[in-house]
Amino acid sequence: MQKVAPSDKRQATRQVLLDAVRDLVFEKGHDSISIQEITKRARVSIGTYYNYFDTKQDVFMAVAQNLQDQIAAELEPTRASINDPAMKVAITLKYYFCQSLDNQDWRDFARFTGLTHLPLEQAIDARIVDIQRGVTGGRFKVDNVPFTESLIRGMFRHVVAAIDKGHVGRNATDYAIRSILQMLGLPEIVAKALTQTALPPIAAQKRLVSQPVEGEVVTSLSEYLSDVPRAGPIR
């Protein structure tokens, strides 16, 4: 029988703990969960728990990161199939707006654990890479990539918060995506076409609540690739 490497064993044990915490939070909320309950559910010793985490808050943060990683991983096959940097940015923004507003697993876990301040969004480094690739390929016109990324991040968080509070409607996400694409230097007609492109099929998150925007235009990837004007060569 093939032996499992120590690093693999450690990662597997950590994941068992994360899964146990996630299940318990959904069952009971975080206030009534003890470390003893976590270790009992995970079938490990308390000493093993402390090999990975110092406090319950540490493990809650780790579960949140694990959820974020899973959500990001589900989009990657779609992102990998998109060569146009502008379309990649648009689809990524649309995906994260949808997940941040509708992913019930994420929203419930954040609420139950008091982590509602944590944003569900694309990783900063990944967004910088997307912008830089568009600049290098001549698709985007941006002087300061890190500053532009911070503007996009701020707009994303502001729109999500405004929708959650009922200050604006769900169509604000389309306006935000279109504005971001224009800020990156795309003509209005291109930004509008990209914004109207629907998300391609992506593995659905558990307990995802679907709330389509009224009047949303559904455009396939193939239709977009054949119809949307391009601003320059992609290298």
C-alpha atoms as a PDB file:
ATOM      1  CA  MET A   1       0.000   0.000   0.000  1.00  0.00           C
ATOM      2  CA  GLN A   2       1.323   3.436  -0.925  1.00  0.00           C
ATOM      3  CA  LYS A   3       2.128   5.572   2.112  1.00  0.00           C
ATOM      4  CA  VAL A   4       0.782   9.102   2.379  1.00  0.00           C
ATOM      5  CA  ALA A   5       3.510  11.723   2.667  1.00  0.00           C
ATOM      6  CA  PRO A   6       3.598  13.558   6.013  1.00  0.00           C
ATOM      7  CA  SER A   7       2.710  16.843   4.328  1.00  0.00           C
ATOM      8  CA  ASP A   8      -0.299  15.206   2.674  1.00  0.00           C
ATOM      9  CA  LYS A   9      -1.383  13.722   5.991  1.00  0.00           C
ATOM     10  CA  ARG A  10      -1.118  17.110   7.650  1.00  0.00           C
ATOM     11  CA  GLN A  11      -3.141  18.771   4.913  1.00  0.00           C
ATOM     12  CA  ALA A  12      -5.776  16.036   5.089  1.00  0.00           C
ATOM     13  CA  THR A  13      -6.102  16.411   8.864  1.00  0.00           C
ATOM     14  CA  ARG A  14      -6.397  20.165   8.539  1.00  0.00           C
ATOM     15  CA  GLN A  15      -9.154  19.773   5.946  1.00  0.00           C
ATOM     16  CA  VAL A  16     -11.035  17.365   8.212  1.00  0.00           C
ATOM     17  CA  LEU A  17     -10.957  20.008  10.950  1.00  0.00           C
ATOM     18  CA  LEU A  18     -12.159  22.696   8.543  1.00  0.00           C
ATOM     19  CA  ASP A  19     -15.007  20.497   7.311  1.00  0.00           C
ATOM     20  CA  ALA A  20     -16.034  19.710  10.887  1.00  0.00           C
ATOM     21  CA  VAL A  21     -16.103  23.387  11.842  1.00  0.00           C
ATOM     22  CA  ARG A  22     -18.040  24.331   8.738  1.00  0.00           C
ATOM     23  CA  ASP A  23     -20.693  21.674   9.410  1.00  0.00           C
ATOM     24  CA  LEU A  24     -21.011  22.615  13.081  1.00  0.00           C
ATOM     25  CA  VAL A  25     -21.363  26.313  12.298  1.00  0.00           C
ATOM     26  CA  PHE A  26     -24.222  25.620   9.895  1.00  0.00           C
ATOM     27  CA  GLU A  27     -25.865  23.350  12.471  1.00  0.00           C
ATOM     28  CA  LYS A  28     -25.437  25.413  15.638  1.00  0.00           C
ATOM     29  CA  GLY A  29     -23.914  28.819  14.957  1.00  0.00           C
ATOM     30  CA  HIS A  30     -20.478  29.704  16.279  1.00  0.00           C
ATOM     31  CA  ASP A  31     -21.252  30.798  19.855  1.00  0.00           C
ATOM     32  CA  SER A  32     -22.244  27.353  21.094  1.00  0.00           C
ATOM     33  CA  ILE A  33     -19.398  25.426  19.449  1.00  0.00           C
ATOM     34  CA  SER A  34     -16.560  24.274  21.674  1.00  0.00           C
ATOM     35  CA  ILE A  35     -13.149  23.081  20.603  1.00  0.00           C
ATOM     36  CA  GLN A  36     -14.054  19.742  22.176  1.00  0.00           C
ATOM     37  CA  GLU A  37     -17.039  19.460  19.819  1.00  0.00           C
ATOM     38  CA  ILE A  38     -14.855  20.304  16.852  1.00  0.00           C
ATOM     39  CA  THR A  39     -12.313  17.624  17.679  1.00  0.00           C
ATOM     40  CA  LYS A  40     -15.039  15.073  18.394  1.00  0.00           C
ATOM     41  CA  ARG A  41     -16.672  15.738  15.026  1.00  0.00           C
ATOM     42  CA  ALA A  42     -13.298  15.579  13.261  1.00  0.00           C
ATOM     43  CA  ARG A  43     -12.282  12.502  15.274  1.00  0.00           C
ATOM     44  CA  VAL A  44      -8.952  13.974  16.327  1.00  0.00           C
ATOM     45  CA  SER A  45      -7.458  14.836  19.700  1.00  0.00           C
ATOM     46  CA  ILE A  46      -7.527  18.309  21.205  1.00  0.00           C
ATOM     47  CA  GLY A  47      -3.754  18.313  20.967  1.00  0.00           C
ATOM     48  CA  THR A  48      -4.044  17.762  17.232  1.00  0.00           C
ATOM     49  CA  TYR A  49      -6.355  20.762  16.968  1.00  0.00           C
ATOM     50  CA  TYR A  50      -3.758  22.985  18.633  1.00  0.00           C
ATOM     51  CA  ASN A  51      -1.144  21.786  16.163  1.00  0.00           C
ATOM     52  CA  TYR A  52      -3.096  23.735  13.552  1.00  0.00           C
ATOM     53  CA  PHE A  53      -5.023  26.528  15.279  1.00  0.00           C
ATOM     54  CA  ASP A  54      -4.606  28.562  18.464  1.00  0.00           C
ATOM     55  CA  THR A  55      -8.208  29.751  18.853  1.00  0.00           C
ATOM     56  CA  LYS A  56     -11.694  29.205  17.454  1.00  0.00           C
ATOM     57  CA  GLN A  57     -11.400  32.510  15.621  1.00  0.00           C
ATOM     58  CA  ASP A  58      -8.327  31.186  13.822  1.00  0.00           C
ATOM     59  CA  VAL A  59     -10.203  28.155  12.546  1.00  0.00           C
ATOM     60  CA  PHE A  60     -13.202  30.287  11.522  1.00  0.00           C
ATOM     61  CA  MET A  61     -10.865  32.457   9.445  1.00  0.00           C
ATOM     62  CA  ALA A  62      -9.302  29.338   7.931  1.00  0.00           C
ATOM     63  CA  VAL A  63     -12.716  27.964   6.951  1.00  0.00           C
ATOM     64  CA  ALA A  64     -13.598  31.312   5.369  1.00  0.00           C
ATOM     65  CA  GLN A  65     -10.380  31.214   3.346  1.00  0.00           C
ATOM     66  CA  ASN A  66     -11.119  27.630   2.357  1.00  0.00           C
ATOM     67  CA  LEU A  67     -14.556  28.658   1.090  1.00  0.00           C
ATOM     68  CA  GLN A  68     -13.006  31.547  -0.839  1.00  0.00           C
ATOM     69  CA  ASP A  69     -10.451  29.209  -2.416  1.00  0.00           C
ATOM     70  CA  GLN A  70     -13.179  26.770  -3.481  1.00  0.00           C
ATOM     71  CA  ILE A  71     -15.242  29.553  -5.019  1.00  0.00           C
ATOM     72  CA  ALA A  72     -12.206  30.877  -6.899  1.00  0.00           C
ATOM     73  CA  ALA A  73     -11.274  27.394  -8.136  1.00  0.00           C
ATOM     74  CA  GLU A  74     -14.703  26.881  -9.687  1.00  0.00           C
ATOM     75  CA  LEU A  75     -14.163  29.875 -11.954  1.00  0.00           C
ATOM     76  CA  GLU A  76     -10.633  28.989 -13.076  1.00  0.00           C
ATOM     77  CA  PRO A  77     -11.527  26.591 -15.928  1.00  0.00           C
ATOM     78  CA  THR A  78     -13.705  29.323 -17.429  1.00  0.00           C
ATOM     79  CA  ARG A  79     -11.037  31.988 -16.945  1.00  0.00           C
ATOM     80  CA  ALA A  80      -8.424  29.731 -18.526  1.00  0.00           C
ATOM     81  CA  SER A  81     -10.557  29.408 -21.665  1.00  0.00           C
ATOM     82  CA  ILE A  82     -10.777  33.190 -22.166  1.00  0.00           C
ATOM     83  CA  ASN A  83      -7.917  34.842 -24.044  1.00  0.00           C
ATOM     84  CA  ASP A  84      -9.276  38.385 -24.160  1.00  0.00           C
ATOM     85  CA  PRO A  85      -8.175  40.246 -20.989  1.00  0.00           C
ATOM     86  CA  ALA A  86     -11.224  42.514 -21.130  1.00  0.00           C
ATOM     87  CA  MET A  87     -13.638  39.623 -21.258  1.00  0.00           C
ATOM     88  CA  LYS A  88     -11.739  37.866 -18.484  1.00  0.00           C
ATOM     89  CA  VAL A  89     -12.126  40.927 -16.241  1.00  0.00           C
ATOM     90  CA  ALA A  90     -15.830  41.273 -17.088  1.00  0.00           C
ATOM     91  CA  ILE A  91     -16.656  37.604 -16.469  1.00  0.00           C
ATOM     92  CA  THR A  92     -14.643  37.564 -13.247  1.00  0.00           C
ATOM     93  CA  LEU A  93     -16.421  40.651 -11.918  1.00  0.00           C
ATOM     94  CA  LYS A  94     -19.819  39.262 -12.875  1.00  0.00           C
ATOM     95  CA  TYR A  95     -19.008  35.952 -11.181  1.00  0.00           C
ATOM     96  CA  TYR A  96     -17.858  37.549  -7.943  1.00  0.00           C
ATOM     97  CA  PHE A  97     -20.807  39.929  -7.806  1.00  0.00           C
ATOM     98  CA  CYS A  98     -23.080  36.899  -8.146  1.00  0.00           C
ATOM     99  CA  GLN A  99     -21.208  34.860  -5.543  1.00  0.00           C
ATOM    100  CA  SER A 100     -20.889  37.712  -3.062  1.00  0.00           C
ATOM    101  CA  LEU A 101     -24.598  38.500  -3.230  1.00  0.00           C
ATOM    102  CA  ASP A 102     -26.100  35.026  -3.733  1.00  0.00           C
ATOM    103  CA  ASN A 103     -23.796  32.331  -2.379  1.00  0.00           C
ATOM    104  CA  GLN A 104     -25.775  31.184   0.614  1.00  0.00           C
ATOM    105  CA  ASP A 105     -22.985  29.017   2.036  1.00  0.00           C
ATOM    106  CA  TRP A 106     -20.666  32.009   2.170  1.00  0.00           C
ATOM    107  CA  ARG A 107     -23.234  34.473   3.444  1.00  0.00           C
ATOM    108  CA  ASP A 108     -24.497  32.136   6.173  1.00  0.00           C
ATOM    109  CA  PHE A 109     -21.019  31.207   7.345  1.00  0.00           C
ATOM    110  CA  ALA A 110     -19.932  34.851   7.487  1.00  0.00           C
ATOM    111  CA  ARG A 111     -23.082  35.799   9.404  1.00  0.00           C
ATOM    112  CA  PHE A 112     -22.909  32.890  11.856  1.00  0.00           C
ATOM    113  CA  THR A 113     -19.246  33.532  12.668  1.00  0.00           C
ATOM    114  CA  GLY A 114     -19.331  37.320  12.763  1.00  0.00           C
ATOM    115  CA  LEU A 115     -17.091  37.578   9.703  1.00  0.00           C
ATOM    116  CA  THR A 116     -19.432  39.716   7.618  1.00  0.00           C
ATOM    117  CA  HIS A 117     -16.624  42.242   7.176  1.00  0.00           C
ATOM    118  CA  LEU A 118     -14.716  39.760   4.994  1.00  0.00           C
ATOM    119  CA  PRO A 119     -15.293  40.463   1.294  1.00  0.00           C
ATOM    120  CA  LEU A 120     -15.872  37.665  -1.189  1.00  0.00           C
ATOM    121  CA  GLU A 121     -13.915  38.902  -4.171  1.00  0.00           C
ATOM    122  CA  GLN A 122     -11.101  38.067  -6.559  1.00  0.00           C
ATOM    123  CA  ALA A 123      -7.677  37.950  -4.917  1.00  0.00           C
ATOM    124  CA  ILE A 124      -5.800  41.244  -5.229  1.00  0.00           C
ATOM    125  CA  ASP A 125      -2.730  39.660  -6.841  1.00  0.00           C
ATOM    126  CA  ALA A 126      -4.871  37.865  -9.418  1.00  0.00           C
ATOM    127  CA  ARG A 127      -6.684  41.085 -10.312  1.00  0.00           C
ATOM    128  CA  ILE A 128      -3.372  42.898 -10.746  1.00  0.00           C
ATOM    129  CA  VAL A 129      -2.179  40.150 -13.099  1.00  0.00           C
ATOM    130  CA  ASP A 130      -5.380  40.476 -15.155  1.00  0.00           C
ATOM    131  CA  ILE A 131      -4.976  44.237 -15.463  1.00  0.00           C
ATOM    132  CA  GLN A 132      -1.280  44.017 -16.298  1.00  0.00           C
ATOM    133  CA  ARG A 133      -1.939  41.430 -18.982  1.00  0.00           C
ATOM    134  CA  GLY A 134      -4.484  43.737 -20.571  1.00  0.00           C
ATOM    135  CA  VAL A 135      -2.020  46.626 -20.491  1.00  0.00           C
ATOM    136  CA  THR A 136       0.785  44.518 -21.970  1.00  0.00           C
ATOM    137  CA  GLY A 137      -1.498  43.248 -24.724  1.00  0.00           C
ATOM    138  CA  GLY A 138      -2.704  46.731 -25.625  1.00  0.00           C
ATOM    139  CA  ARG A 139      -6.271  46.070 -24.498  1.00  0.00           C
ATOM    140  CA  PHE A 140      -6.181  48.355 -21.450  1.00  0.00           C
ATOM    141  CA  LYS A 141      -4.871  51.896 -21.094  1.00  0.00           C
ATOM    142  CA  VAL A 142      -3.727  52.179 -17.489  1.00  0.00           C
ATOM    143  CA  ASP A 143      -0.833  54.205 -16.084  1.00  0.00           C
ATOM    144  CA  ASN A 144      -0.746  52.798 -12.548  1.00  0.00           C
ATOM    145  CA  VAL A 145      -1.861  49.176 -12.260  1.00  0.00           C
ATOM    146  CA  PRO A 146      -1.857  48.855  -8.426  1.00  0.00           C
ATOM    147  CA  PHE A 147      -3.812  52.095  -8.025  1.00  0.00           C
ATOM    148  CA  THR A 148      -6.310  51.020 -10.675  1.00  0.00           C
ATOM    149  CA  GLU A 149      -6.743  47.700  -8.886  1.00  0.00           C
ATOM    150  CA  SER A 150      -7.503  49.521  -5.639  1.00  0.00           C
ATOM    151  CA  LEU A 151     -10.171  51.590  -7.397  1.00  0.00           C
ATOM    152  CA  ILE A 152     -11.797  48.452  -8.801  1.00  0.00           C
ATOM    153  CA  ARG A 153     -11.680  46.777  -5.394  1.00  0.00           C
ATOM    154  CA  GLY A 154     -13.248  49.796  -3.731  1.00  0.00           C
ATOM    155  CA  MET A 155     -16.024  50.053  -6.311  1.00  0.00           C
ATOM    156  CA  PHE A 156     -16.786  46.332  -6.035  1.00  0.00           C
ATOM    157  CA  ARG A 157     -17.102  46.457  -2.247  1.00  0.00           C
ATOM    158  CA  HIS A 158     -19.135  49.660  -2.322  1.00  0.00           C
ATOM    159  CA  VAL A 159     -21.648  48.234  -4.805  1.00  0.00           C
ATOM    160  CA  VAL A 160     -22.062  44.977  -2.860  1.00  0.00           C
ATOM    161  CA  ALA A 161     -22.615  46.902   0.383  1.00  0.00           C
ATOM    162  CA  ALA A 162     -25.081  49.286  -1.260  1.00  0.00           C
ATOM    163  CA  ILE A 163     -27.120  46.405  -2.695  1.00  0.00           C
ATOM    164  CA  ASP A 164     -27.110  44.559   0.630  1.00  0.00           C
ATOM    165  CA  LYS A 165     -28.415  47.676   2.380  1.00  0.00           C
ATOM    166  CA  GLY A 166     -31.109  48.209  -0.245  1.00  0.00           C
ATOM    167  CA  HIS A 167     -29.690  51.541  -1.384  1.00  0.00           C
ATOM    168  CA  VAL A 168     -29.452  50.448  -5.022  1.00  0.00           C
ATOM    169  CA  GLY A 169     -30.883  47.659  -7.158  1.00  0.00           C
ATOM    170  CA  ARG A 170     -29.135  44.598  -8.536  1.00  0.00           C
ATOM    171  CA  ASN A 171     -28.615  46.290 -11.881  1.00  0.00           C
ATOM    172  CA  ALA A 172     -25.948  48.403 -10.156  1.00  0.00           C
ATOM    173  CA  THR A 173     -23.556  45.513 -10.776  1.00  0.00           C
ATOM    174  CA  ASP A 174     -23.897  45.968 -14.530  1.00  0.00           C
ATOM    175  CA  TYR A 175     -23.281  49.688 -14.194  1.00  0.00           C
ATOM    176  CA  ALA A 176     -20.198  49.000 -12.076  1.00  0.00           C
ATOM    177  CA  ILE A 177     -18.744  46.484 -14.541  1.00  0.00           C
ATOM    178  CA  ARG A 178     -19.329  48.818 -17.469  1.00  0.00           C
ATOM    179  CA  SER A 179     -17.731  51.720 -15.587  1.00  0.00           C
ATOM    180  CA  ILE A 180     -14.710  49.615 -14.621  1.00  0.00           C
ATOM    181  CA  LEU A 181     -14.161  48.486 -18.208  1.00  0.00           C
ATOM    182  CA  GLN A 182     -14.351  52.077 -19.432  1.00  0.00           C
ATOM    183  CA  MET A 183     -11.912  53.093 -16.687  1.00  0.00           C
ATOM    184  CA  LEU A 184      -9.549  50.471 -18.108  1.00  0.00           C
ATOM    185  CA  GLY A 185      -9.735  52.282 -21.438  1.00  0.00           C
ATOM    186  CA  LEU A 186     -12.344  50.334 -23.391  1.00  0.00           C
ATOM    187  CA  PRO A 187     -14.794  52.196 -25.654  1.00  0.00           C
ATOM    188  CA  GLU A 188     -18.337  52.463 -24.334  1.00  0.00           C
ATOM    189  CA  ILE A 189     -19.783  50.112 -26.965  1.00  0.00           C
ATOM    190  CA  VAL A 190     -17.264  47.387 -26.072  1.00  0.00           C
ATOM    191  CA  ALA A 191     -17.778  47.871 -22.338  1.00  0.00           C
ATOM    192  CA  LYS A 192     -21.539  47.625 -22.789  1.00  0.00           C
ATOM    193  CA  ALA A 193     -21.306  44.441 -24.878  1.00  0.00           C
ATOM    194  CA  LEU A 194     -19.009  42.812 -22.342  1.00  0.00           C
ATOM    195  CA  THR A 195     -21.294  43.770 -19.486  1.00  0.00           C
ATOM    196  CA  GLN A 196     -24.248  42.129 -21.224  1.00  0.00           C
ATOM    197  CA  THR A 197     -22.358  38.852 -21.628  1.00  0.00           C
ATOM    198  CA  ALA A 198     -23.896  36.252 -19.350  1.00  0.00           C
ATOM    199  CA  LEU A 199     -21.813  33.968 -17.190  1.00  0.00           C
ATOM    200  CA  PRO A 200     -21.036  30.690 -18.966  1.00  0.00           C
ATOM    201  CA  PRO A 201     -21.999  27.456 -17.197  1.00  0.00           C
ATOM    202  CA  ILE A 202     -20.008  27.138 -13.983  1.00  0.00           C
ATOM    203  CA  ALA A 203     -20.301  24.467 -11.297  1.00  0.00           C
ATOM    204  CA  ALA A 204     -23.039  25.706  -8.993  1.00  0.00           C
ATOM    205  CA  GLN A 205     -22.250  26.355  -5.354  1.00  0.00           C
ATOM    206  CA  LYS A 206     -24.319  24.509  -2.768  1.00  0.00           C
ATOM    207  CA  ARG A 207     -27.424  26.377  -1.680  1.00  0.00           C
ATOM    208  CA  LEU A 208     -26.881  29.085  -4.277  1.00  0.00           C
ATOM    209  CA  VAL A 209     -29.788  31.501  -4.411  1.00  0.00           C
ATOM    210  CA  SER A 210     -30.495  32.636  -7.944  1.00  0.00           C
ATOM    211  CA  GLN A 211     -31.752  36.194  -8.300  1.00  0.00           C
ATOM    212  CA  PRO A 212     -31.493  37.171 -11.965  1.00  0.00           C
ATOM    213  CA  VAL A 213     -31.463  40.844 -12.811  1.00  0.00           C
ATOM    214  CA  GLU A 214     -34.656  41.897 -14.517  1.00  0.00           C
ATOM    215  CA  GLY A 215     -34.157  42.448 -18.217  1.00  0.00           C
ATOM    216  CA  GLU A 216     -30.713  40.818 -18.265  1.00  0.00           C
ATOM    217  CA  VAL A 217     -29.429  40.157 -21.773  1.00  0.00           C
ATOM    218  CA  VAL A 218     -28.088  36.629 -22.227  1.00  0.00           C
ATOM    219  CA  THR A 219     -25.219  36.365 -24.684  1.00  0.00           C
ATOM    220  CA  SER A 220     -23.160  33.240 -25.255  1.00  0.00           C
ATOM    221  CA  LEU A 221     -19.368  33.279 -25.260  1.00  0.00           C
ATOM    222  CA  SER A 222     -19.278  32.349 -28.942  1.00  0.00           C
ATOM    223  CA  GLU A 223     -21.617  35.209 -29.837  1.00  0.00           C
ATOM    224  CA  TYR A 224     -19.471  37.621 -27.878  1.00  0.00           C
ATOM    225  CA  LEU A 225     -16.240  36.481 -29.483  1.00  0.00           C
ATOM    226  CA  SER A 226     -17.680  36.903 -32.974  1.00  0.00           C
ATOM    227  CA  ASP A 227     -19.551  40.167 -32.457  1.00  0.00           C
ATOM    228  CA  VAL A 228     -17.697  42.368 -29.983  1.00  0.00           C
ATOM    229  CA  PRO A 229     -15.305  44.863 -31.595  1.00  0.00           C
ATOM    230  CA  ARG A 230     -11.729  44.649 -30.406  1.00  0.00           C
ATOM    231  CA  ALA A 231      -9.603  47.575 -29.314  1.00  0.00           C
ATOM    232  CA  GLY A 232      -6.282  46.125 -30.409  1.00  0.00           C
ATOM    233  CA  PRO A 233      -4.253  42.959 -30.815  1.00  0.00           C
ATOM    234  CA  ILE A 234      -3.956  40.576 -27.884  1.00  0.00           C
ATOM    235  CA  ARG A 235      -0.440  39.236 -27.355  1.00  0.00           C
END
